[in-house]
Amino acid sequence: IVKFAGCYHGHSDALLAAAGSGVATGGLPGSAGVPTAVSAQTI
């Protein structure tokens, strides 16, 4: 799946990669808790 940095598409593990909301509002890592194998399927 291709998405764009800063865009948010809901709480689906693969789509939380570089979603912006955690980093922008809570100081959290962009993909905390998302398995590497899942985030590897998101460009």
ModelCIF file with pLDDT and N, C-alpha, C, O atoms, coordinates in Angstrom:
data_MODEL
#
_entry.id   MODEL 
#
_entity.id                         1 
_entity.type                       polymer 
_entity.pdbx_number_of_molecules   1 
#
_entity_poly.entity_id                      1 
_entity_poly.type                           'polypeptide(L)' 
_entity_poly.nstd_linkage                   no 
_entity_poly.nstd_monomer                   no 
_entity_poly.pdbx_seq_one_letter_code       IVKFAGCYHGHSDALLAAAGSGVATGGLPGSAGVPTAVSAQTI 
_entity_poly.pdbx_seq_one_letter_code_can   IVKFAGCYHGHSDALLAAAGSGVATGGLPGSAGVPTAVSAQTI 
_entity_poly.pdbx_strand_id                 A 
#
loop_
_entity_poly_seq.entity_id 
_entity_poly_seq.num 
_entity_poly_seq.mon_id 
_entity_poly_seq.hetero 
1 1  ILE n 
1 2  VAL n 
1 3  LYS n 
1 4  PHE n 
1 5  ALA n 
1 6  GLY n 
1 7  CYS n 
1 8  TYR n 
1 9  HIS n 
1 10 GLY n 
1 11 HIS n 
1 12 SER n 
1 13 ASP n 
1 14 ALA n 
1 15 LEU n 
1 16 LEU n 
1 17 ALA n 
1 18 ALA n 
1 19 ALA n 
1 20 GLY n 
1 21 SER n 
1 22 GLY n 
1 23 VAL n 
1 24 ALA n 
1 25 THR n 
1 26 GLY n 
1 27 GLY n 
1 28 LEU n 
1 29 PRO n 
1 30 GLY n 
1 31 SER n 
1 32 ALA n 
1 33 GLY n 
1 34 VAL n 
1 35 PRO n 
1 36 THR n 
1 37 ALA n 
1 38 VAL n 
1 39 SER n 
1 40 ALA n 
1 41 GLN n 
1 42 THR n 
1 43 ILE n 
#
_struct_asym.id          A 
_struct_asym.entity_id   1 
#
loop_
_ma_qa_metric.id 
_ma_qa_metric.mode 
_ma_qa_metric.name 
_ma_qa_metric.software_group_id 
_ma_qa_metric.type 
1 global pLDDT . pLDDT 
2 local  pLDDT . pLDDT 
#
_ma_qa_metric_global.metric_id      1 
_ma_qa_metric_global.metric_value   65.58 
_ma_qa_metric_global.model_id       1 
_ma_qa_metric_global.ordinal_id     1 
#
loop_
_ma_qa_metric_local.label_asym_id 
_ma_qa_metric_local.label_comp_id 
_ma_qa_metric_local.label_seq_id 
_ma_qa_metric_local.metric_id 
_ma_qa_metric_local.metric_value 
_ma_qa_metric_local.model_id 
_ma_qa_metric_local.ordinal_id 
A ILE 1  2 89.00 1 1  
A VAL 2  2 92.00 1 2  
A LYS 3  2 88.00 1 3  
A PHE 4  2 87.00 1 4  
A ALA 5  2 83.00 1 5  
A GLY 6  2 79.00 1 6  
A CYS 7  2 80.00 1 7  
A TYR 8  2 75.00 1 8  
A HIS 9  2 72.00 1 9  
A GLY 10 2 67.00 1 10 
A HIS 11 2 66.00 1 11 
A SER 12 2 67.00 1 12 
A ASP 13 2 60.00 1 13 
A ALA 14 2 61.00 1 14 
A LEU 15 2 63.00 1 15 
A LEU 16 2 58.00 1 16 
A ALA 17 2 57.00 1 17 
A ALA 18 2 58.00 1 18 
A ALA 19 2 54.00 1 19 
A GLY 20 2 52.00 1 20 
A SER 21 2 48.00 1 21 
A GLY 22 2 47.00 1 22 
A VAL 23 2 46.00 1 23 
A ALA 24 2 44.00 1 24 
A THR 25 2 41.00 1 25 
A GLY 26 2 43.00 1 26 
A GLY 27 2 41.00 1 27 
A LEU 28 2 45.00 1 28 
A PRO 29 2 43.00 1 29 
A GLY 30 2 56.00 1 30 
A SER 31 2 56.00 1 31 
A ALA 32 2 62.00 1 32 
A GLY 33 2 68.00 1 33 
A VAL 34 2 67.00 1 34 
A PRO 35 2 72.00 1 35 
A THR 36 2 72.00 1 36 
A ALA 37 2 76.00 1 37 
A VAL 38 2 74.00 1 38 
A SER 39 2 74.00 1 39 
A ALA 40 2 79.00 1 40 
A GLN 41 2 85.00 1 41 
A THR 42 2 85.00 1 42 
A ILE 43 2 88.00 1 43 
#
loop_
_atom_site.group_PDB 
_atom_site.id 
_atom_site.type_symbol 
_atom_site.label_atom_id 
_atom_site.label_alt_id 
_atom_site.label_comp_id 
_atom_site.label_asym_id 
_atom_site.label_entity_id 
_atom_site.label_seq_id 
_atom_site.pdbx_PDB_ins_code 
_atom_site.Cartn_x 
_atom_site.Cartn_y 
_atom_site.Cartn_z 
_atom_site.occupancy 
_atom_site.B_iso_or_equiv 
_atom_site.pdbx_formal_charge 
_atom_site.auth_seq_id 
_atom_site.auth_comp_id 
_atom_site.auth_asym_id 
_atom_site.auth_atom_id 
_atom_site.pdbx_PDB_model_num 
ATOM 1   N N  . ILE A 1 1  ? 0.888  -1.172 0.000  1.00 89.00 ? 1  ILE A N  1 
ATOM 2   C CA . ILE A 1 1  ? 0.000  0.000  0.000  1.00 89.00 ? 1  ILE A CA 1 
ATOM 3   C C  . ILE A 1 1  ? 0.922  1.218  0.000  1.00 89.00 ? 1  ILE A C  1 
ATOM 4   O O  . ILE A 1 1  ? 1.914  1.254  0.728  1.00 89.00 ? 1  ILE A O  1 
ATOM 5   N N  . VAL A 1 2  ? 0.592  2.203  -0.813 1.00 92.00 ? 2  VAL A N  1 
ATOM 6   C CA . VAL A 1 2  ? 1.336  3.464  -0.821 1.00 92.00 ? 2  VAL A CA 1 
ATOM 7   C C  . VAL A 1 2  ? 0.477  4.509  -0.128 1.00 92.00 ? 2  VAL A C  1 
ATOM 8   O O  . VAL A 1 2  ? -0.701 4.670  -0.446 1.00 92.00 ? 2  VAL A O  1 
ATOM 9   N N  . LYS A 1 3  ? 1.076  5.218  0.821  1.00 88.00 ? 3  LYS A N  1 
ATOM 10  C CA . LYS A 1 3  ? 0.410  6.331  1.491  1.00 88.00 ? 3  LYS A CA 1 
ATOM 11  C C  . LYS A 1 3  ? 1.386  7.489  1.564  1.00 88.00 ? 3  LYS A C  1 
ATOM 12  O O  . LYS A 1 3  ? 2.548  7.356  1.182  1.00 88.00 ? 3  LYS A O  1 
ATOM 13  N N  . PHE A 1 4  ? 0.918  8.616  2.050  1.00 87.00 ? 4  PHE A N  1 
ATOM 14  C CA . PHE A 1 4  ? 1.757  9.801  2.094  1.00 87.00 ? 4  PHE A CA 1 
ATOM 15  C C  . PHE A 1 4  ? 2.001  10.233 3.530  1.00 87.00 ? 4  PHE A C  1 
ATOM 16  O O  . PHE A 1 4  ? 1.100  10.170 4.366  1.00 87.00 ? 4  PHE A O  1 
ATOM 17  N N  . ALA A 1 5  ? 3.222  10.671 3.814  1.00 83.00 ? 5  ALA A N  1 
ATOM 18  C CA . ALA A 1 5  ? 3.615  11.069 5.158  1.00 83.00 ? 5  ALA A CA 1 
ATOM 19  C C  . ALA A 1 5  ? 2.682  12.140 5.695  1.00 83.00 ? 5  ALA A C  1 
ATOM 20  O O  . ALA A 1 5  ? 2.347  13.097 4.998  1.00 83.00 ? 5  ALA A O  1 
ATOM 21  N N  . GLY A 1 6  ? 2.268  11.966 6.940  1.00 79.00 ? 6  GLY A N  1 
ATOM 22  C CA . GLY A 1 6  ? 1.401  12.928 7.594  1.00 79.00 ? 6  GLY A CA 1 
ATOM 23  C C  . GLY A 1 6  ? -0.068 12.649 7.417  1.00 79.00 ? 6  GLY A C  1 
ATOM 24  O O  . GLY A 1 6  ? -0.890 13.237 8.120  1.00 79.00 ? 6  GLY A O  1 
ATOM 25  N N  . CYS A 1 7  ? -0.431 11.771 6.498  1.00 80.00 ? 7  CYS A N  1 
ATOM 26  C CA . CYS A 1 7  ? -1.842 11.447 6.278  1.00 80.00 ? 7  CYS A CA 1 
ATOM 27  C C  . CYS A 1 7  ? -2.282 10.350 7.241  1.00 80.00 ? 7  CYS A C  1 
ATOM 28  O O  . CYS A 1 7  ? -1.522 9.428  7.536  1.00 80.00 ? 7  CYS A O  1 
ATOM 29  N N  . TYR A 1 8  ? -3.498 10.458 7.720  1.00 75.00 ? 8  TYR A N  1 
ATOM 30  C CA . TYR A 1 8  ? -4.043 9.515  8.694  1.00 75.00 ? 8  TYR A CA 1 
ATOM 31  C C  . TYR A 1 8  ? -5.222 8.774  8.057  1.00 75.00 ? 8  TYR A C  1 
ATOM 32  O O  . TYR A 1 8  ? -6.094 9.385  7.438  1.00 75.00 ? 8  TYR A O  1 
ATOM 33  N N  . HIS A 1 9  ? -5.233 7.454  8.218  1.00 72.00 ? 9  HIS A N  1 
ATOM 34  C CA . HIS A 1 9  ? -6.276 6.634  7.603  1.00 72.00 ? 9  HIS A CA 1 
ATOM 35  C C  . HIS A 1 9  ? -6.893 5.655  8.591  1.00 72.00 ? 9  HIS A C  1 
ATOM 36  O O  . HIS A 1 9  ? -7.342 4.579  8.198  1.00 72.00 ? 9  HIS A O  1 
ATOM 37  N N  . GLY A 1 10 ? -6.918 6.012  9.852  1.00 67.00 ? 10 GLY A N  1 
ATOM 38  C CA . GLY A 1 10 ? -7.514 5.154  10.865 1.00 67.00 ? 10 GLY A CA 1 
ATOM 39  C C  . GLY A 1 10 ? -6.494 4.294  11.586 1.00 67.00 ? 10 GLY A C  1 
ATOM 40  O O  . GLY A 1 10 ? -5.312 4.280  11.243 1.00 67.00 ? 10 GLY A O  1 
ATOM 41  N N  . HIS A 1 11 ? -6.969 3.587  12.578 1.00 66.00 ? 11 HIS A N  1 
ATOM 42  C CA . HIS A 1 11 ? -6.086 2.767  13.398 1.00 66.00 ? 11 HIS A CA 1 
ATOM 43  C C  . HIS A 1 11 ? -5.944 1.355  12.834 1.00 66.00 ? 11 HIS A C  1 
ATOM 44  O O  . HIS A 1 11 ? -6.389 0.380  13.440 1.00 66.00 ? 11 HIS A O  1 
ATOM 45  N N  . SER A 1 12 ? -5.333 1.268  11.695 1.00 67.00 ? 12 SER A N  1 
ATOM 46  C CA . SER A 1 12 ? -4.967 0.000  11.073 1.00 67.00 ? 12 SER A CA 1 
ATOM 47  C C  . SER A 1 12 ? -3.448 -0.045 11.123 1.00 67.00 ? 12 SER A C  1 
ATOM 48  O O  . SER A 1 12 ? -2.790 0.895  10.677 1.00 67.00 ? 12 SER A O  1 
ATOM 49  N N  . ASP A 1 13 ? -2.881 -1.120 11.658 1.00 60.00 ? 13 ASP A N  1 
ATOM 50  C CA . ASP A 1 13 ? -1.437 -1.170 11.871 1.00 60.00 ? 13 ASP A CA 1 
ATOM 51  C C  . ASP A 1 13 ? -0.626 -0.697 10.667 1.00 60.00 ? 13 ASP A C  1 
ATOM 52  O O  . ASP A 1 13 ? 0.262  0.143  10.810 1.00 60.00 ? 13 ASP A O  1 
ATOM 53  N N  . ALA A 1 14 ? -0.921 -1.223 9.501  1.00 61.00 ? 14 ALA A N  1 
ATOM 54  C CA . ALA A 1 14 ? -0.122 -0.888 8.321  1.00 61.00 ? 14 ALA A CA 1 
ATOM 55  C C  . ALA A 1 14 ? -0.230 0.589  7.967  1.00 61.00 ? 14 ALA A C  1 
ATOM 56  O O  . ALA A 1 14 ? 0.709  1.159  7.410  1.00 61.00 ? 14 ALA A O  1 
ATOM 57  N N  . LEU A 1 15 ? -1.349 1.213  8.280  1.00 63.00 ? 15 LEU A N  1 
ATOM 58  C CA . LEU A 1 15 ? -1.557 2.601  7.886  1.00 63.00 ? 15 LEU A CA 1 
ATOM 59  C C  . LEU A 1 15 ? -1.115 3.604  8.933  1.00 63.00 ? 15 LEU A C  1 
ATOM 60  O O  . LEU A 1 15 ? -1.163 4.807  8.680  1.00 63.00 ? 15 LEU A O  1 
ATOM 61  N N  . LEU A 1 16 ? -0.685 3.146  10.108 1.00 58.00 ? 16 LEU A N  1 
ATOM 62  C CA . LEU A 1 16 ? -0.175 4.057  11.120 1.00 58.00 ? 16 LEU A CA 1 
ATOM 63  C C  . LEU A 1 16 ? 1.264  4.477  10.848 1.00 58.00 ? 16 LEU A C  1 
ATOM 64  O O  . LEU A 1 16 ? 1.796  5.333  11.554 1.00 58.00 ? 16 LEU A O  1 
ATOM 65  N N  . ALA A 1 17 ? 1.893  3.901  9.852  1.00 57.00 ? 17 ALA A N  1 
ATOM 66  C CA . ALA A 1 17 ? 3.255  4.291  9.489  1.00 57.00 ? 17 ALA A CA 1 
ATOM 67  C C  . ALA A 1 17 ? 3.264  5.748  9.060  1.00 57.00 ? 17 ALA A C  1 
ATOM 68  O O  . ALA A 1 17 ? 2.566  6.129  8.121  1.00 57.00 ? 17 ALA A O  1 
ATOM 69  N N  . ALA A 1 18 ? 4.057  6.564  9.749  1.00 58.00 ? 18 ALA A N  1 
ATOM 70  C CA . ALA A 1 18 ? 4.202  7.988  9.444  1.00 58.00 ? 18 ALA A CA 1 
ATOM 71  C C  . ALA A 1 18 ? 2.859  8.695  9.314  1.00 58.00 ? 18 ALA A C  1 
ATOM 72  O O  . ALA A 1 18 ? 2.667  9.514  8.416  1.00 58.00 ? 18 ALA A O  1 
ATOM 73  N N  . ALA A 1 19 ? 1.927  8.373  10.219 1.00 54.00 ? 19 ALA A N  1 
ATOM 74  C CA . ALA A 1 19 ? 0.592  8.975  10.153 1.00 54.00 ? 19 ALA A CA 1 
ATOM 75  C C  . ALA A 1 19 ? 0.568  10.405 10.671 1.00 54.00 ? 19 ALA A C  1 
ATOM 76  O O  . ALA A 1 19 ? -0.303 11.189 10.295 1.00 54.00 ? 19 ALA A O  1 
ATOM 77  N N  . GLY A 1 20 ? 1.504  10.741 11.517 1.00 52.00 ? 20 GLY A N  1 
ATOM 78  C CA . GLY A 1 20 ? 1.589  12.115 11.990 1.00 52.00 ? 20 GLY A CA 1 
ATOM 79  C C  . GLY A 1 20 ? 0.906  12.375 13.308 1.00 52.00 ? 20 GLY A C  1 
ATOM 80  O O  . GLY A 1 20 ? 1.429  13.159 14.100 1.00 52.00 ? 20 GLY A O  1 
ATOM 81  N N  . SER A 1 21 ? -0.232 11.768 13.596 1.00 48.00 ? 21 SER A N  1 
ATOM 82  C CA . SER A 1 21 ? -1.001 12.153 14.777 1.00 48.00 ? 21 SER A CA 1 
ATOM 83  C C  . SER A 1 21 ? -0.268 11.871 16.086 1.00 48.00 ? 21 SER A C  1 
ATOM 84  O O  . SER A 1 21 ? -0.262 12.724 16.973 1.00 48.00 ? 21 SER A O  1 
ATOM 85  N N  . GLY A 1 22 ? 0.347  10.702 16.228 1.00 47.00 ? 22 GLY A N  1 
ATOM 86  C CA . GLY A 1 22 ? 1.068  10.419 17.461 1.00 47.00 ? 22 GLY A CA 1 
ATOM 87  C C  . GLY A 1 22 ? 2.256  11.338 17.650 1.00 47.00 ? 22 GLY A C  1 
ATOM 88  O O  . GLY A 1 22 ? 2.498  11.831 18.752 1.00 47.00 ? 22 GLY A O  1 
ATOM 89  N N  . VAL A 1 23 ? 2.981  11.564 16.606 1.00 46.00 ? 23 VAL A N  1 
ATOM 90  C CA . VAL A 1 23 ? 4.153  12.433 16.664 1.00 46.00 ? 23 VAL A CA 1 
ATOM 91  C C  . VAL A 1 23 ? 3.719  13.883 16.895 1.00 46.00 ? 23 VAL A C  1 
ATOM 92  O O  . VAL A 1 23 ? 4.335  14.602 17.682 1.00 46.00 ? 23 VAL A O  1 
ATOM 93  N N  . ALA A 1 24 ? 2.667  14.302 16.214 1.00 44.00 ? 24 ALA A N  1 
ATOM 94  C CA . ALA A 1 24 ? 2.238  15.691 16.287 1.00 44.00 ? 24 ALA A CA 1 
ATOM 95  C C  . ALA A 1 24 ? 1.596  16.039 17.623 1.00 44.00 ? 24 ALA A C  1 
ATOM 96  O O  . ALA A 1 24 ? 1.765  17.156 18.113 1.00 44.00 ? 24 ALA A O  1 
ATOM 97  N N  . THR A 1 25 ? 0.859  15.098 18.223 1.00 41.00 ? 25 THR A N  1 
ATOM 98  C CA . THR A 1 25 ? 0.087  15.447 19.412 1.00 41.00 ? 25 THR A CA 1 
ATOM 99  C C  . THR A 1 25 ? 0.593  14.837 20.704 1.00 41.00 ? 25 THR A C  1 
ATOM 100 O O  . THR A 1 25 ? 0.393  15.420 21.770 1.00 41.00 ? 25 THR A O  1 
ATOM 101 N N  . GLY A 1 26 ? 1.240  13.687 20.647 1.00 43.00 ? 26 GLY A N  1 
ATOM 102 C CA . GLY A 1 26 ? 1.611  13.016 21.887 1.00 43.00 ? 26 GLY A CA 1 
ATOM 103 C C  . GLY A 1 26 ? 3.086  12.740 22.050 1.00 43.00 ? 26 GLY A C  1 
ATOM 104 O O  . GLY A 1 26 ? 3.480  12.129 23.043 1.00 43.00 ? 26 GLY A O  1 
ATOM 105 N N  . GLY A 1 27 ? 3.907  13.160 21.131 1.00 41.00 ? 27 GLY A N  1 
ATOM 106 C CA . GLY A 1 27 ? 5.324  12.884 21.213 1.00 41.00 ? 27 GLY A CA 1 
ATOM 107 C C  . GLY A 1 27 ? 5.646  11.405 21.114 1.00 41.00 ? 27 GLY A C  1 
ATOM 108 O O  . GLY A 1 27 ? 6.652  10.954 21.661 1.00 41.00 ? 27 GLY A O  1 
ATOM 109 N N  . LEU A 1 28 ? 4.805  10.640 20.422 1.00 45.00 ? 28 LEU A N  1 
ATOM 110 C CA . LEU A 1 28 ? 4.999  9.201  20.314 1.00 45.00 ? 28 LEU A CA 1 
ATOM 111 C C  . LEU A 1 28 ? 5.665  8.841  18.994 1.00 45.00 ? 28 LEU A C  1 
ATOM 112 O O  . LEU A 1 28 ? 5.531  9.576  18.015 1.00 45.00 ? 28 LEU A O  1 
ATOM 113 N N  . PRO A 1 29 ? 6.385  7.714  18.954 1.00 43.00 ? 29 PRO A N  1 
ATOM 114 C CA . PRO A 1 29 ? 6.949  7.259  17.681 1.00 43.00 ? 29 PRO A CA 1 
ATOM 115 C C  . PRO A 1 29 ? 5.849  7.059  16.646 1.00 43.00 ? 29 PRO A C  1 
ATOM 116 O O  . PRO A 1 29 ? 4.729  6.688  16.999 1.00 43.00 ? 29 PRO A O  1 
ATOM 117 N N  . GLY A 1 30 ? 6.149  7.295  15.394 1.00 56.00 ? 30 GLY A N  1 
ATOM 118 C CA . GLY A 1 30 ? 5.162  7.188  14.329 1.00 56.00 ? 30 GLY A CA 1 
ATOM 119 C C  . GLY A 1 30 ? 4.546  5.812  14.186 1.00 56.00 ? 30 GLY A C  1 
ATOM 120 O O  . GLY A 1 30 ? 3.397  5.702  13.757 1.00 56.00 ? 30 GLY A O  1 
ATOM 121 N N  . SER A 1 31 ? 5.272  4.757  14.531 1.00 56.00 ? 31 SER A N  1 
ATOM 122 C CA . SER A 1 31 ? 4.757  3.405  14.333 1.00 56.00 ? 31 SER A CA 1 
ATOM 123 C C  . SER A 1 31 ? 4.994  2.524  15.557 1.00 56.00 ? 31 SER A C  1 
ATOM 124 O O  . SER A 1 31 ? 5.258  1.330  15.412 1.00 56.00 ? 31 SER A O  1 
ATOM 125 N N  . ALA A 1 32 ? 4.907  3.081  16.737 1.00 62.00 ? 32 ALA A N  1 
ATOM 126 C CA . ALA A 1 32 ? 5.155  2.297  17.952 1.00 62.00 ? 32 ALA A CA 1 
ATOM 127 C C  . ALA A 1 32 ? 4.193  1.119  18.035 1.00 62.00 ? 32 ALA A C  1 
ATOM 128 O O  . ALA A 1 32 ? 2.982  1.292  17.897 1.00 62.00 ? 32 ALA A O  1 
ATOM 129 N N  . GLY A 1 33 ? 4.727  -0.074 18.260 1.00 68.00 ? 33 GLY A N  1 
ATOM 130 C CA . GLY A 1 33 ? 3.904  -1.257 18.429 1.00 68.00 ? 33 GLY A CA 1 
ATOM 131 C C  . GLY A 1 33 ? 3.462  -1.928 17.149 1.00 68.00 ? 33 GLY A C  1 
ATOM 132 O O  . GLY A 1 33 ? 2.830  -2.984 17.193 1.00 68.00 ? 33 GLY A O  1 
ATOM 133 N N  . VAL A 1 34 ? 3.773  -1.349 16.029 1.00 67.00 ? 34 VAL A N  1 
ATOM 134 C CA . VAL A 1 34 ? 3.399  -1.951 14.753 1.00 67.00 ? 34 VAL A CA 1 
ATOM 135 C C  . VAL A 1 34 ? 4.509  -2.913 14.340 1.00 67.00 ? 34 VAL A C  1 
ATOM 136 O O  . VAL A 1 34 ? 5.664  -2.501 14.239 1.00 67.00 ? 34 VAL A O  1 
ATOM 137 N N  . PRO A 1 35 ? 4.190  -4.180 14.099 1.00 72.00 ? 35 PRO A N  1 
ATOM 138 C CA . PRO A 1 35 ? 5.218  -5.149 13.718 1.00 72.00 ? 35 PRO A CA 1 
ATOM 139 C C  . PRO A 1 35 ? 5.957  -4.738 12.440 1.00 72.00 ? 35 PRO A C  1 
ATOM 140 O O  . PRO A 1 35 ? 5.348  -4.212 11.508 1.00 72.00 ? 35 PRO A O  1 
ATOM 141 N N  . THR A 1 36 ? 7.241  -4.977 12.404 1.00 72.00 ? 36 THR A N  1 
ATOM 142 C CA . THR A 1 36 ? 8.064  -4.624 11.245 1.00 72.00 ? 36 THR A CA 1 
ATOM 143 C C  . THR A 1 36 ? 7.527  -5.260 9.967  1.00 72.00 ? 36 THR A C  1 
ATOM 144 O O  . THR A 1 36 ? 7.521  -4.621 8.915  1.00 72.00 ? 36 THR A O  1 
ATOM 145 N N  . ALA A 1 37 ? 7.080  -6.502 10.047 1.00 76.00 ? 37 ALA A N  1 
ATOM 146 C CA . ALA A 1 37 ? 6.563  -7.191 8.859  1.00 76.00 ? 37 ALA A CA 1 
ATOM 147 C C  . ALA A 1 37 ? 5.324  -6.494 8.302  1.00 76.00 ? 37 ALA A C  1 
ATOM 148 O O  . ALA A 1 37 ? 5.098  -6.499 7.092  1.00 76.00 ? 37 ALA A O  1 
ATOM 149 N N  . VAL A 1 38 ? 4.527  -5.899 9.176  1.00 74.00 ? 38 VAL A N  1 
ATOM 150 C CA . VAL A 1 38 ? 3.318  -5.196 8.736  1.00 74.00 ? 38 VAL A CA 1 
ATOM 151 C C  . VAL A 1 38 ? 3.684  -3.852 8.126  1.00 74.00 ? 38 VAL A C  1 
ATOM 152 O O  . VAL A 1 38 ? 3.210  -3.509 7.043  1.00 74.00 ? 38 VAL A O  1 
ATOM 153 N N  . SER A 1 39 ? 4.530  -3.085 8.820  1.00 74.00 ? 39 SER A N  1 
ATOM 154 C CA . SER A 1 39 ? 4.888  -1.769 8.299  1.00 74.00 ? 39 SER A CA 1 
ATOM 155 C C  . SER A 1 39 ? 5.715  -1.874 7.023  1.00 74.00 ? 39 SER A C  1 
ATOM 156 O O  . SER A 1 39 ? 5.772  -0.923 6.244  1.00 74.00 ? 39 SER A O  1 
ATOM 157 N N  . ALA A 1 40 ? 6.354  -3.015 6.802  1.00 79.00 ? 40 ALA A N  1 
ATOM 158 C CA . ALA A 1 40 ? 7.136  -3.211 5.573  1.00 79.00 ? 40 ALA A CA 1 
ATOM 159 C C  . ALA A 1 40 ? 6.233  -3.286 4.341  1.00 79.00 ? 40 ALA A C  1 
ATOM 160 O O  . ALA A 1 40 ? 6.708  -3.162 3.212  1.00 79.00 ? 40 ALA A O  1 
ATOM 161 N N  . GLN A 1 41 ? 4.937  -3.488 4.558  1.00 85.00 ? 41 GLN A N  1 
ATOM 162 C CA . GLN A 1 41 ? 3.996  -3.555 3.437  1.00 85.00 ? 41 GLN A CA 1 
ATOM 163 C C  . GLN A 1 41 ? 3.399  -2.189 3.102  1.00 85.00 ? 41 GLN A C  1 
ATOM 164 O O  . GLN A 1 41 ? 2.543  -2.077 2.224  1.00 85.00 ? 41 GLN A O  1 
ATOM 165 N N  . THR A 1 42 ? 3.857  -1.156 3.805  1.00 85.00 ? 42 THR A N  1 
ATOM 166 C CA . THR A 1 42 ? 3.382  0.199  3.564  1.00 85.00 ? 42 THR A CA 1 
ATOM 167 C C  . THR A 1 42 ? 4.544  1.056  3.083  1.00 85.00 ? 42 THR A C  1 
ATOM 168 O O  . THR A 1 42 ? 5.555  1.187  3.772  1.00 85.00 ? 42 THR A O  1 
ATOM 169 N N  . ILE A 1 43 ? 4.396  1.631  1.911  1.00 88.00 ? 43 ILE A N  1 
ATOM 170 C CA . ILE A 1 43 ? 5.394  2.553  1.382  1.00 88.00 ? 43 ILE A CA 1 
ATOM 171 C C  . ILE A 1 43 ? 4.905  3.959  1.697  1.00 88.00 ? 43 ILE A C  1 
ATOM 172 O O  . ILE A 1 43 ? 5.571  4.936  1.355  1.00 88.00 ? 43 ILE A O  1 
#
